[in-house]
Amino acid sequence: MDTEYRFHFDFSQKDTIFIFILAGVYEFRKQIEEGKTADEIQKSWDPGLSAYKKMRLKYVLYD
């Protein structure tokens, strides 16, 4: 499906704050406010995810 879905978030509403608590970072909210696509947001996680995957290798017992 190529349709891009856009949602309007009313950040003044208490219920919408919950997603940002789950995300744990202000950057996520900033990306939504800037109108970033889901793909752009996901790609922004790549550097941190790559670093995590590299770091965890010394703790993984099974591959």
Protein backbone atom coordinates (compact mmCIF):
# COMPACT_ATOMS: atom_id res chain seq x y z
CA MET A 1 0.00 0.00 0.00
CA ASP A 2 1.57 3.26 -1.13
CA THR A 3 -0.85 5.54 0.69
CA GLU A 4 0.89 7.67 3.29
CA TYR A 5 -1.21 8.26 6.36
CA ARG A 6 -0.95 11.56 8.18
CA PHE A 7 -2.45 12.12 11.57
CA HIS A 8 -3.05 15.37 13.37
CA PHE A 9 -1.80 15.25 16.92
CA ASP A 10 -3.13 17.72 19.44
CA PHE A 11 -0.20 17.84 21.83
CA SER A 12 -2.21 19.74 24.39
CA GLN A 13 -4.37 16.66 25.01
CA LYS A 14 -3.28 14.47 27.90
CA ASP A 15 -3.96 11.22 26.00
CA THR A 16 -1.57 12.01 23.16
CA ILE A 17 1.32 12.52 25.57
CA PHE A 18 1.30 8.79 26.34
CA ILE A 19 2.96 7.87 23.02
CA PHE A 20 5.85 10.18 23.81
CA ILE A 21 6.28 8.61 27.23
CA LEU A 22 6.48 5.22 25.52
CA ALA A 23 8.94 6.51 22.92
CA GLY A 24 11.05 8.02 25.68
CA VAL A 25 12.63 10.75 23.59
CA TYR A 26 11.74 14.27 22.53
CA GLU A 27 13.17 13.60 19.06
CA PHE A 28 10.14 11.44 18.18
CA ARG A 29 7.71 14.26 18.91
CA LYS A 30 9.87 16.69 16.96
CA GLN A 31 9.89 14.38 13.95
CA ILE A 32 6.10 14.10 14.00
CA GLU A 33 5.71 17.87 14.30
CA GLU A 34 8.04 18.29 11.31
CA GLY A 35 5.84 15.95 9.26
CA LYS A 36 8.45 13.22 8.85
CA THR A 37 7.22 10.00 7.27
CA ALA A 38 7.22 6.69 9.13
CA ASP A 39 10.13 5.55 6.94
CA GLU A 40 12.15 8.68 7.77
CA ILE A 41 11.52 8.21 11.48
CA GLN A 42 12.47 4.54 11.31
CA LYS A 43 15.66 5.32 9.38
CA SER A 44 16.64 7.83 12.08
CA TRP A 45 16.85 4.91 14.52
CA ASP A 46 19.47 3.05 12.42
CA PRO A 47 22.65 4.50 14.00
CA GLY A 48 21.50 3.75 17.55
CA LEU A 49 20.16 0.35 16.59
CA SER A 50 23.41 -0.58 14.86
CA ALA A 51 25.42 0.47 17.91
CA TYR A 52 23.13 -1.56 20.18
CA LYS A 53 23.41 -4.66 17.99
CA LYS A 54 27.20 -4.39 18.03
CA MET A 55 27.34 -3.89 21.81
CA ARG A 56 25.01 -6.82 22.57
CA LEU A 57 27.10 -9.34 20.64
CA LYS A 58 29.37 -9.95 23.61
CA TYR A 59 26.34 -10.93 25.75
CA VAL A 60 24.43 -13.14 23.29
CA LEU A 61 24.72 -16.83 24.04
CA TYR A 62 22.91 -18.03 20.90
CA ASP A 63 22.68 -16.51 17.46
